[in-house]
Amino acid sequence: MKARLVVAILLFGPALTAEDASPYRVGPGDVLEVIVDGRPDLSRLPTVQTTGRIWLPRAGEVEVSGLTSDEVAARVAAWAGGRLDAAERR
C-alpha cells in the first residue's frame, strides 16, 4: 500500500494580498507541515534552514528553497517515495 503525502506551508508574517499574483515560494525560516497519511511517525513540521533544506525521516535532507508548495510536495514525494514503498513492504 502506498502512503499518501501531503505538504502544507505555514507562513508567519505579513498576509498576502490579491495583488500577489505569483505563487508563494518557500524560503529559509518557513515552516512546512509534511503529513504522510497512515504514518504519523513520519509526519513533521520542519523549518526551512538557511541552506534552503529541510530534514525528513527516510528522505534525509531535501532542497526546497524557491519552490512552490506543489513543487515541494513533488520533491519530497520523489525523495521519500522509494524509501516509503520499501519500508511498507517490510
N, C-alpha and C. Protein backbone atom coordinates (compact mmCIF):
# COMPACT_ATOMS: atom_id res chain seq x y z
N MET A 1 0.84 -1.17 0.00
CA MET A 1 0.00 0.00 0.00
C MET A 1 0.89 1.24 0.00
N LYS A 2 0.63 2.19 -0.90
CA LYS A 2 1.40 3.42 -0.96
C LYS A 2 0.87 4.41 0.06
N ALA A 3 1.80 5.07 0.74
CA ALA A 3 1.43 6.13 1.68
C ALA A 3 1.16 7.40 0.88
N ARG A 4 0.16 8.15 1.31
CA ARG A 4 -0.18 9.41 0.65
C ARG A 4 0.56 10.53 1.38
N LEU A 5 1.17 11.44 0.63
CA LEU A 5 1.97 12.51 1.18
C LEU A 5 1.25 13.83 0.98
N VAL A 6 1.15 14.63 2.05
CA VAL A 6 0.54 15.95 1.98
C VAL A 6 1.54 16.95 2.52
N VAL A 7 1.74 18.06 1.81
CA VAL A 7 2.63 19.12 2.29
C VAL A 7 1.83 20.41 2.34
N ALA A 8 1.84 21.06 3.49
CA ALA A 8 1.22 22.37 3.65
C ALA A 8 2.29 23.34 4.12
N ILE A 9 2.15 24.60 3.77
CA ILE A 9 3.11 25.61 4.18
C ILE A 9 2.44 26.53 5.18
N LEU A 10 3.04 26.64 6.35
CA LEU A 10 2.55 27.54 7.39
C LEU A 10 3.40 28.80 7.34
N LEU A 11 2.76 29.92 7.11
CA LEU A 11 3.51 31.16 6.98
C LEU A 11 3.23 32.07 8.17
N PHE A 12 4.28 32.63 8.71
CA PHE A 12 4.17 33.58 9.79
C PHE A 12 4.78 34.88 9.30
N GLY A 13 3.96 35.88 9.10
CA GLY A 13 4.44 37.15 8.58
C GLY A 13 3.30 37.92 7.96
N PRO A 14 3.61 38.91 7.13
CA PRO A 14 2.56 39.72 6.53
C PRO A 14 1.66 38.87 5.64
N ALA A 15 0.39 39.18 5.65
CA ALA A 15 -0.57 38.44 4.82
C ALA A 15 -0.35 38.78 3.35
N LEU A 16 -0.60 37.80 2.49
CA LEU A 16 -0.52 38.03 1.06
C LEU A 16 -1.83 38.66 0.60
N THR A 17 -1.75 39.52 -0.40
CA THR A 17 -2.94 40.19 -0.92
C THR A 17 -3.27 39.65 -2.30
N ALA A 18 -4.42 40.05 -2.82
CA ALA A 18 -4.83 39.64 -4.16
C ALA A 18 -3.85 40.14 -5.21
N GLU A 19 -3.11 41.21 -4.90
CA GLU A 19 -2.14 41.76 -5.84
C GLU A 19 -0.92 40.84 -5.99
N ASP A 20 -0.72 39.94 -5.02
CA ASP A 20 0.38 38.99 -5.08
C ASP A 20 -0.05 37.83 -5.97
N ALA A 21 0.03 38.04 -7.30
CA ALA A 21 -0.50 37.06 -8.25
C ALA A 21 0.36 35.80 -8.36
N SER A 22 1.67 35.91 -8.17
CA SER A 22 2.52 34.74 -8.32
C SER A 22 2.43 33.86 -7.09
N PRO A 23 2.58 32.54 -7.27
CA PRO A 23 2.50 31.64 -6.12
C PRO A 23 3.65 31.87 -5.15
N TYR A 24 3.39 31.64 -3.89
CA TYR A 24 4.41 31.82 -2.86
C TYR A 24 5.53 30.81 -3.05
N ARG A 25 6.74 31.25 -2.86
CA ARG A 25 7.92 30.39 -2.94
C ARG A 25 8.52 30.25 -1.55
N VAL A 26 8.84 29.03 -1.18
CA VAL A 26 9.39 28.69 0.13
C VAL A 26 10.79 29.26 0.28
N GLY A 27 11.09 29.72 1.50
CA GLY A 27 12.42 30.24 1.77
C GLY A 27 12.83 29.92 3.20
N PRO A 28 14.08 30.22 3.55
CA PRO A 28 14.58 29.97 4.91
C PRO A 28 13.66 30.58 5.96
N GLY A 29 13.42 29.81 7.02
CA GLY A 29 12.56 30.26 8.11
C GLY A 29 11.11 29.82 7.97
N ASP A 30 10.69 29.43 6.77
CA ASP A 30 9.32 28.95 6.58
C ASP A 30 9.15 27.61 7.28
N VAL A 31 7.97 27.39 7.83
CA VAL A 31 7.65 26.13 8.49
C VAL A 31 6.71 25.36 7.58
N LEU A 32 7.07 24.13 7.25
CA LEU A 32 6.25 23.29 6.40
C LEU A 32 5.58 22.22 7.26
N GLU A 33 4.40 21.81 6.86
CA GLU A 33 3.75 20.68 7.52
C GLU A 33 3.75 19.54 6.52
N VAL A 34 4.47 18.48 6.86
CA VAL A 34 4.55 17.31 6.00
C VAL A 34 3.79 16.19 6.69
N ILE A 35 2.74 15.71 6.04
CA ILE A 35 1.89 14.65 6.59
C ILE A 35 1.97 13.45 5.69
N VAL A 36 2.35 12.31 6.24
CA VAL A 36 2.35 11.06 5.50
C VAL A 36 1.15 10.27 6.02
N ASP A 37 0.13 10.17 5.18
CA ASP A 37 -1.13 9.54 5.56
C ASP A 37 -0.88 8.12 6.07
N GLY A 38 -1.39 7.83 7.25
CA GLY A 38 -1.26 6.50 7.83
C GLY A 38 0.09 6.25 8.49
N ARG A 39 0.99 7.24 8.47
CA ARG A 39 2.32 7.09 9.06
C ARG A 39 2.65 8.32 9.90
N PRO A 40 1.97 8.50 11.03
CA PRO A 40 2.24 9.68 11.86
C PRO A 40 3.68 9.76 12.34
N ASP A 41 4.38 8.64 12.39
CA ASP A 41 5.78 8.64 12.80
C ASP A 41 6.68 9.34 11.77
N LEU A 42 6.21 9.48 10.55
CA LEU A 42 6.99 10.14 9.50
C LEU A 42 6.57 11.58 9.26
N SER A 43 5.44 12.00 9.85
CA SER A 43 4.96 13.36 9.67
C SER A 43 5.80 14.33 10.50
N ARG A 44 6.01 15.53 9.99
CA ARG A 44 6.88 16.51 10.64
C ARG A 44 6.43 17.94 10.37
N LEU A 45 6.99 18.87 11.16
CA LEU A 45 6.85 20.31 10.95
C LEU A 45 8.26 20.89 10.79
N PRO A 46 8.92 20.59 9.67
CA PRO A 46 10.29 21.07 9.51
C PRO A 46 10.35 22.55 9.15
N THR A 47 11.38 23.22 9.64
CA THR A 47 11.65 24.61 9.28
C THR A 47 12.71 24.61 8.19
N VAL A 48 12.50 25.42 7.16
CA VAL A 48 13.48 25.53 6.09
C VAL A 48 14.71 26.23 6.67
N GLN A 49 15.85 25.56 6.60
CA GLN A 49 17.09 26.08 7.16
C GLN A 49 17.70 27.14 6.23
N THR A 50 18.73 27.84 6.72
CA THR A 50 19.38 28.86 5.90
C THR A 50 20.01 28.27 4.65
N THR A 51 20.24 26.98 4.66
CA THR A 51 20.78 26.28 3.48
C THR A 51 19.70 26.02 2.43
N GLY A 52 18.42 26.28 2.79
CA GLY A 52 17.31 26.02 1.87
C GLY A 52 16.80 24.60 1.93
N ARG A 53 17.26 23.85 2.93
CA ARG A 53 16.88 22.43 3.05
C ARG A 53 16.05 22.17 4.29
N ILE A 54 15.28 21.08 4.22
CA ILE A 54 14.59 20.54 5.38
C ILE A 54 15.09 19.12 5.58
N TRP A 55 14.91 18.59 6.77
CA TRP A 55 15.28 17.20 7.04
C TRP A 55 14.02 16.42 7.36
N LEU A 56 13.88 15.26 6.71
CA LEU A 56 12.72 14.40 6.93
C LEU A 56 13.18 12.96 7.13
N PRO A 57 12.47 12.22 8.01
CA PRO A 57 12.80 10.80 8.16
C PRO A 57 12.67 10.07 6.82
N ARG A 58 13.55 9.16 6.58
CA ARG A 58 13.60 8.34 5.37
C ARG A 58 14.02 9.12 4.13
N ALA A 59 13.78 10.42 4.09
CA ALA A 59 14.16 11.22 2.93
C ALA A 59 15.51 11.89 3.15
N GLY A 60 15.83 12.19 4.41
CA GLY A 60 17.06 12.92 4.71
C GLY A 60 16.88 14.40 4.42
N GLU A 61 17.95 15.04 3.95
CA GLU A 61 17.88 16.46 3.61
C GLU A 61 17.29 16.63 2.22
N VAL A 62 16.34 17.56 2.11
CA VAL A 62 15.67 17.83 0.84
C VAL A 62 15.75 19.33 0.57
N GLU A 63 16.25 19.71 -0.59
CA GLU A 63 16.34 21.11 -1.00
C GLU A 63 14.95 21.59 -1.41
N VAL A 64 14.44 22.64 -0.74
CA VAL A 64 13.09 23.13 -1.03
C VAL A 64 13.02 24.63 -1.28
N SER A 65 14.09 25.36 -1.00
CA SER A 65 14.07 26.81 -1.13
C SER A 65 13.78 27.22 -2.56
N GLY A 66 12.86 28.19 -2.72
CA GLY A 66 12.50 28.69 -4.04
C GLY A 66 11.39 27.93 -4.73
N LEU A 67 10.90 26.86 -4.09
CA LEU A 67 9.84 26.05 -4.69
C LEU A 67 8.46 26.48 -4.19
N THR A 68 7.42 26.23 -4.99
CA THR A 68 6.04 26.43 -4.54
C THR A 68 5.64 25.22 -3.68
N SER A 69 4.50 25.30 -3.02
CA SER A 69 4.06 24.17 -2.19
C SER A 69 3.86 22.91 -3.02
N ASP A 70 3.33 23.04 -4.22
CA ASP A 70 3.15 21.87 -5.09
C ASP A 70 4.49 21.26 -5.47
N GLU A 71 5.47 22.13 -5.76
CA GLU A 71 6.80 21.65 -6.12
C GLU A 71 7.49 20.99 -4.93
N VAL A 72 7.27 21.55 -3.73
CA VAL A 72 7.83 20.92 -2.52
C VAL A 72 7.24 19.53 -2.34
N ALA A 73 5.92 19.42 -2.48
CA ALA A 73 5.27 18.12 -2.33
C ALA A 73 5.83 17.11 -3.31
N ALA A 74 6.01 17.53 -4.57
CA ALA A 74 6.55 16.62 -5.58
C ALA A 74 7.99 16.23 -5.25
N ARG A 75 8.80 17.18 -4.80
CA ARG A 75 10.20 16.88 -4.49
C ARG A 75 10.29 15.94 -3.29
N VAL A 76 9.51 16.21 -2.24
CA VAL A 76 9.55 15.34 -1.06
C VAL A 76 9.05 13.95 -1.42
N ALA A 77 7.99 13.87 -2.22
CA ALA A 77 7.47 12.57 -2.63
C ALA A 77 8.51 11.80 -3.45
N ALA A 78 9.22 12.50 -4.33
CA ALA A 78 10.24 11.85 -5.15
C ALA A 78 11.39 11.33 -4.28
N TRP A 79 11.81 12.12 -3.31
CA TRP A 79 12.91 11.72 -2.43
C TRP A 79 12.49 10.58 -1.51
N ALA A 80 11.28 10.67 -0.99
CA ALA A 80 10.84 9.71 0.02
C ALA A 80 10.09 8.52 -0.57
N GLY A 81 9.56 8.68 -1.77
CA GLY A 81 8.70 7.66 -2.35
C GLY A 81 9.26 6.26 -2.32
N GLY A 82 10.42 6.07 -2.88
CA GLY A 82 11.03 4.74 -2.90
C GLY A 82 11.31 4.23 -1.50
N ARG A 83 11.74 5.11 -0.64
CA ARG A 83 12.06 4.71 0.73
C ARG A 83 10.80 4.30 1.48
N LEU A 84 9.71 5.06 1.28
CA LEU A 84 8.45 4.70 1.94
C LEU A 84 7.92 3.38 1.41
N ASP A 85 7.96 3.21 0.07
CA ASP A 85 7.48 1.97 -0.51
C ASP A 85 8.26 0.77 0.03
N ALA A 86 9.58 0.90 0.12
CA ALA A 86 10.41 -0.20 0.66
C ALA A 86 10.07 -0.48 2.10
N ALA A 87 9.84 0.58 2.88
CA ALA A 87 9.50 0.40 4.29
C ALA A 87 8.14 -0.28 4.45
N GLU A 88 7.21 0.05 3.56
CA GLU A 88 5.88 -0.55 3.64
C GLU A 88 5.92 -2.03 3.33
N ARG A 89 6.88 -2.48 2.51
CA ARG A 89 6.97 -3.89 2.15
C ARG A 89 7.56 -4.73 3.26
N ARG A 90 8.22 -4.08 4.23
CA ARG A 90 8.84 -4.84 5.33
C ARG A 90 7.83 -5.33 6.32
